């Protein structure tokens, strides 16, 4: 759920950071989101298009939670997860095996801005809390569009800023002051959560991100705020 902002550690260094905290990454996600991250990922899975033989691609897949949630829908016949952090992927492979999904799910090292797949190969592409990690968001979306089949769907789960002032104030205080300290204490890495609030506050959300998706060629684009607007699911289809 983290990334560095412009002028901070390079993208390669960020993924090395993910590897350093891989062993406690899931614990931190569940703790710092008060368990809501599981619900958000299941909500993404509920937005899969009709069909029970879907081929799905999950980008910045980390330890595989979003891909596992997609498989749990019963609609996925093949799922691939892609990430640059190999230690995260190793944990994800163990989780996939424990849940009996190894016949349909696989994880591999790769870059979401240069996808190692042919065009028109997937029914669905998802990315959960990873689009902010991209150095070139438009390129990443264009790559998603390229590998989707005509009629395919992209689903993006990302943090956003609540519109209601009564929620926004406490939320920003938590992001700026509580979460970085708690994340550093539990992860043992003082830099790991330092940039989270900056990326959330500066990344386009709501209609602004919908415009970015439309510019990449997606149609029927929509944003669905969840949990008072602290996260949003963005949906778009390839004509």
Protein backbone atom coordinates (compact mmCIF):
# COMPACT_ATOMS: atom_id res chain seq x y z
CA UNK A 1 0.00 0.00 0.00
CA UNK A 2 3.00 2.27 -0.09
CA UNK A 3 5.08 4.15 -2.56
CA UNK A 4 7.58 6.94 -2.76
CA UNK A 5 6.85 10.35 -4.18
CA UNK A 6 8.86 12.29 -6.74
CA UNK A 7 12.29 13.18 -5.36
CA UNK A 8 12.23 10.37 -2.81
CA UNK A 9 13.84 6.90 -3.19
CA UNK A 10 13.74 5.49 -6.70
CA UNK A 11 11.10 3.03 -7.77
CA UNK A 12 13.63 0.22 -7.57
CA UNK A 13 14.47 1.20 -4.01
CA UNK A 14 10.79 1.24 -3.13
CA UNK A 15 10.40 -2.39 -4.16
CA UNK A 16 13.49 -3.30 -2.18
CA UNK A 17 11.71 -1.68 0.75
CA UNK A 18 8.68 -3.89 0.17
CA UNK A 19 10.95 -6.92 0.29
CA UNK A 20 12.46 -5.76 3.59
CA UNK A 21 9.07 -5.64 5.30
CA UNK A 22 7.51 -8.60 3.47
CA UNK A 23 7.27 -10.74 6.60
CA UNK A 24 5.04 -8.23 8.38
CA UNK A 25 3.32 -6.67 5.40
CA UNK A 26 0.03 -8.59 5.71
CA UNK A 27 -0.16 -8.00 9.46
CA UNK A 28 0.35 -4.28 8.95
CA UNK A 29 -2.25 -4.07 6.20
CA UNK A 30 -4.89 -5.73 8.35
CA UNK A 31 -3.97 -3.80 11.49
CA UNK A 32 -3.60 -0.33 9.99
CA UNK A 33 -6.83 -0.66 7.99
CA UNK A 34 -8.70 -2.15 10.99
CA UNK A 35 -9.39 -5.22 8.85
CA UNK A 36 -11.24 -3.27 6.17
CA UNK A 37 -8.68 -4.23 3.51
CA UNK A 38 -10.22 -7.71 3.28
CA UNK A 39 -13.68 -6.23 2.68
CA UNK A 40 -12.35 -3.85 0.03
CA UNK A 41 -10.68 -6.66 -1.91
CA UNK A 42 -13.84 -8.77 -1.79
CA UNK A 43 -15.79 -5.80 -3.12
CA UNK A 44 -13.42 -5.65 -6.08
CA UNK A 45 -14.07 -9.34 -6.71
CA UNK A 46 -17.82 -8.68 -6.68
CA UNK A 47 -17.36 -6.37 -9.69
CA UNK A 48 -15.97 -9.02 -12.02
CA UNK A 49 -17.83 -9.23 -15.33
CA UNK A 50 -20.20 -12.16 -15.92
CA UNK A 51 -18.69 -15.56 -16.65
CA UNK A 52 -17.06 -18.45 -14.87
CA UNK A 53 -13.97 -18.92 -17.06
CA UNK A 54 -12.27 -15.57 -16.61
CA UNK A 55 -8.59 -14.99 -17.20
CA UNK A 56 -7.41 -12.32 -14.76
CA UNK A 57 -4.21 -10.36 -14.20
CA UNK A 58 -3.46 -8.65 -10.89
CA UNK A 59 -0.70 -6.02 -10.97
CA UNK A 60 1.46 -4.96 -8.01
CA UNK A 61 0.04 -8.11 -6.48
CA UNK A 62 2.28 -8.17 -3.41
CA UNK A 63 1.48 -11.20 -1.28
CA UNK A 64 -1.47 -12.17 -3.44
CA UNK A 65 -4.46 -11.09 -1.36
CA UNK A 66 -6.36 -9.47 -4.22
CA UNK A 67 -5.71 -12.37 -6.59
CA UNK A 68 -6.87 -14.84 -3.92
CA UNK A 69 -10.04 -12.79 -3.40
CA UNK A 70 -10.70 -12.92 -7.15
CA UNK A 71 -10.22 -16.69 -7.19
CA UNK A 72 -12.63 -16.98 -4.28
CA UNK A 73 -15.41 -15.68 -6.51
CA UNK A 74 -15.48 -18.99 -8.38
CA UNK A 75 -15.34 -17.14 -11.71
CA UNK A 76 -11.61 -17.38 -12.35
CA UNK A 77 -10.14 -20.20 -14.42
CA UNK A 78 -6.67 -18.65 -14.64
CA UNK A 79 -5.09 -15.86 -12.62
CA UNK A 80 -1.64 -14.29 -12.84
CA UNK A 81 -0.10 -11.92 -10.31
CA UNK A 82 2.78 -9.62 -11.19
CA UNK A 83 5.11 -7.71 -8.88
CA UNK A 84 8.73 -6.56 -8.66
CA UNK A 85 9.16 -7.57 -5.00
CA UNK A 86 10.26 -11.20 -5.00
CA UNK A 87 10.07 -11.66 -1.22
CA UNK A 88 6.43 -10.57 -1.33
CA UNK A 89 5.77 -13.02 -4.14
CA UNK A 90 7.34 -15.87 -2.16
CA UNK A 91 4.86 -15.29 0.66
CA UNK A 92 2.04 -15.04 -1.85
CA UNK A 93 2.94 -18.40 -3.40
CA UNK A 94 2.75 -20.04 0.02
CA UNK A 95 -0.69 -18.53 0.64
CA UNK A 96 -1.94 -19.68 -2.76
CA UNK A 97 -0.76 -23.21 -2.06
CA UNK A 98 -2.33 -23.24 1.42
CA UNK A 99 -5.69 -22.25 -0.09
CA UNK A 100 -5.54 -24.87 -2.82
CA UNK A 101 -5.43 -22.37 -5.69
CA UNK A 102 -2.07 -23.44 -7.14
CA UNK A 103 -3.77 -25.02 -10.18
CA UNK A 104 -5.30 -21.74 -11.30
CA UNK A 105 -3.14 -18.98 -9.78
CA UNK A 106 0.51 -18.13 -10.37
CA UNK A 107 2.79 -15.24 -9.39
CA UNK A 108 5.73 -13.90 -11.34
CA UNK A 109 8.23 -11.07 -11.21
CA UNK A 110 7.43 -8.26 -13.60
CA UNK A 111 6.90 -4.56 -14.22
CA UNK A 112 3.38 -3.15 -14.53
CA UNK A 113 4.64 -0.47 -16.89
CA UNK A 114 6.07 -3.06 -19.31
CA UNK A 115 3.80 -6.08 -19.17
CA UNK A 116 5.33 -9.33 -20.48
CA UNK A 117 2.08 -10.45 -22.09
CA UNK A 118 0.60 -10.36 -25.57
CA UNK A 119 -2.31 -8.06 -26.32
CA UNK A 120 -5.91 -9.14 -25.77
CA UNK A 121 -5.01 -11.92 -23.35
CA UNK A 122 -7.07 -11.20 -20.20
CA UNK A 123 -10.72 -10.66 -19.36
CA UNK A 124 -9.89 -8.58 -16.28
CA UNK A 125 -6.93 -6.59 -15.00
CA UNK A 126 -6.88 -5.46 -11.37
CA UNK A 127 -4.50 -3.43 -9.24
CA UNK A 128 -5.01 -2.85 -5.52
CA UNK A 129 -3.09 -0.07 -3.76
CA UNK A 130 -0.41 -0.15 -6.42
CA UNK A 131 -1.24 2.40 -9.09
CA UNK A 132 0.43 5.10 -6.95
CA UNK A 133 3.67 3.13 -7.17
CA UNK A 134 3.93 3.69 -10.90
CA UNK A 135 6.39 6.25 -12.22
CA UNK A 136 4.15 6.63 -15.28
CA UNK A 137 0.49 6.03 -14.44
CA UNK A 138 -0.70 6.68 -17.98
CA UNK A 139 1.71 4.11 -19.37
CA UNK A 140 0.55 1.54 -16.82
CA UNK A 141 -3.08 2.12 -17.78
CA UNK A 142 -2.19 1.89 -21.46
CA UNK A 143 -0.49 -1.45 -20.80
CA UNK A 144 -3.60 -2.67 -18.97
CA UNK A 145 -5.71 -1.61 -21.94
CA UNK A 146 -3.35 -3.42 -24.34
CA UNK A 147 -3.48 -6.81 -22.60
CA UNK A 148 -7.25 -6.72 -22.04
CA UNK A 149 -9.53 -8.48 -24.46
CA UNK A 150 -12.14 -6.32 -26.20
CA UNK A 151 -14.97 -6.07 -23.69
CA UNK A 152 -12.53 -6.65 -20.84
CA UNK A 153 -12.56 -4.75 -17.56
CA UNK A 154 -10.03 -2.96 -15.39
CA UNK A 155 -10.64 -2.57 -11.64
CA UNK A 156 -8.43 -0.24 -9.60
CA UNK A 157 -8.61 -0.17 -5.79
CA UNK A 158 -6.84 2.85 -4.36
CA UNK A 159 -6.82 5.21 -1.41
CA UNK A 160 -8.70 8.47 -1.84
CA UNK A 161 -9.50 11.55 0.24
CA UNK A 162 -12.93 11.73 1.92
CA UNK A 163 -15.05 14.65 0.75
CA UNK A 164 -16.83 15.19 4.07
CA UNK A 165 -14.83 17.49 6.34
CA UNK A 166 -15.93 15.63 9.46
CA UNK A 167 -14.21 12.50 8.11
CA UNK A 168 -11.37 14.12 6.16
CA UNK A 169 -9.80 15.89 9.14
CA UNK A 170 -9.39 12.84 11.42
CA UNK A 171 -8.38 10.71 8.43
CA UNK A 172 -5.58 13.06 7.41
CA UNK A 173 -4.38 13.29 11.03
CA UNK A 174 -4.20 9.48 11.14
CA UNK A 175 -2.32 9.35 7.83
CA UNK A 176 0.18 12.05 8.74
CA UNK A 177 0.88 11.27 12.39
CA UNK A 178 -0.40 7.88 13.58
CA UNK A 179 0.06 5.48 10.67
CA UNK A 180 3.74 6.29 9.91
CA UNK A 181 4.79 5.86 13.53
CA UNK A 182 2.78 2.69 14.08
CA UNK A 183 3.94 1.21 10.79
CA UNK A 184 7.59 1.94 11.62
CA UNK A 185 7.21 0.44 15.10
CA UNK A 186 5.73 -2.83 13.87
CA UNK A 187 7.70 -3.24 10.65
CA UNK A 188 11.04 -2.27 12.16
CA UNK A 189 11.74 -0.13 9.10
CA UNK A 190 11.69 3.61 9.80
CA UNK A 191 11.34 4.53 6.12
CA UNK A 192 8.68 2.02 5.09
CA UNK A 193 5.57 4.09 5.85
CA UNK A 194 7.06 7.56 5.69
CA UNK A 195 5.70 8.43 2.25
CA UNK A 196 2.23 6.92 2.43
CA UNK A 197 0.31 10.04 3.40
CA UNK A 198 2.11 12.17 0.80
CA UNK A 199 1.20 9.84 -2.05
CA UNK A 200 -2.41 9.55 -0.96
CA UNK A 201 -2.80 13.32 -0.68
CA UNK A 202 -1.16 14.07 -4.03
CA UNK A 203 -2.50 11.23 -6.18
CA UNK A 204 -5.58 12.11 -8.28
CA UNK A 205 -8.78 10.59 -6.95
CA UNK A 206 -12.47 10.60 -7.81
CA UNK A 207 -13.32 12.29 -11.09
CA UNK A 208 -9.70 13.36 -11.60
CA UNK A 209 -8.54 9.76 -11.82
CA UNK A 210 -11.57 8.82 -13.91
CA UNK A 211 -10.36 11.34 -16.49
CA UNK A 212 -6.94 9.69 -16.53
CA UNK A 213 -8.60 6.34 -17.21
CA UNK A 214 -10.72 7.78 -20.02
CA UNK A 215 -7.61 9.30 -21.57
CA UNK A 216 -6.12 5.78 -21.62
CA UNK A 217 -9.07 4.58 -23.70
CA UNK A 218 -11.40 3.06 -21.12
CA UNK A 219 -15.15 3.58 -21.40
CA UNK A 220 -17.96 3.41 -18.86
CA UNK A 221 -15.51 4.69 -16.25
CA UNK A 222 -16.85 5.09 -12.72
CA UNK A 223 -15.58 5.67 -9.19
CA UNK A 224 -17.17 4.00 -6.16
CA UNK A 225 -16.08 5.41 -2.78
CA UNK A 226 -15.97 2.94 0.11
CA UNK A 227 -15.73 3.37 3.90
CA UNK A 228 -16.61 7.08 3.94
CA UNK A 229 -14.40 7.69 0.93
CA UNK A 230 -11.01 6.64 2.31
CA UNK A 231 -10.69 4.23 -0.62
CA UNK A 232 -12.32 4.05 -4.03
CA UNK A 233 -12.82 1.40 -6.69
CA UNK A 234 -12.38 2.63 -10.24
CA UNK A 235 -13.94 0.62 -13.02
CA UNK A 236 -13.48 0.89 -16.76
CA UNK A 237 -14.08 -1.29 -19.81
CA UNK A 238 -12.20 -1.79 -23.05
CA UNK A 239 -14.49 -1.28 -26.05
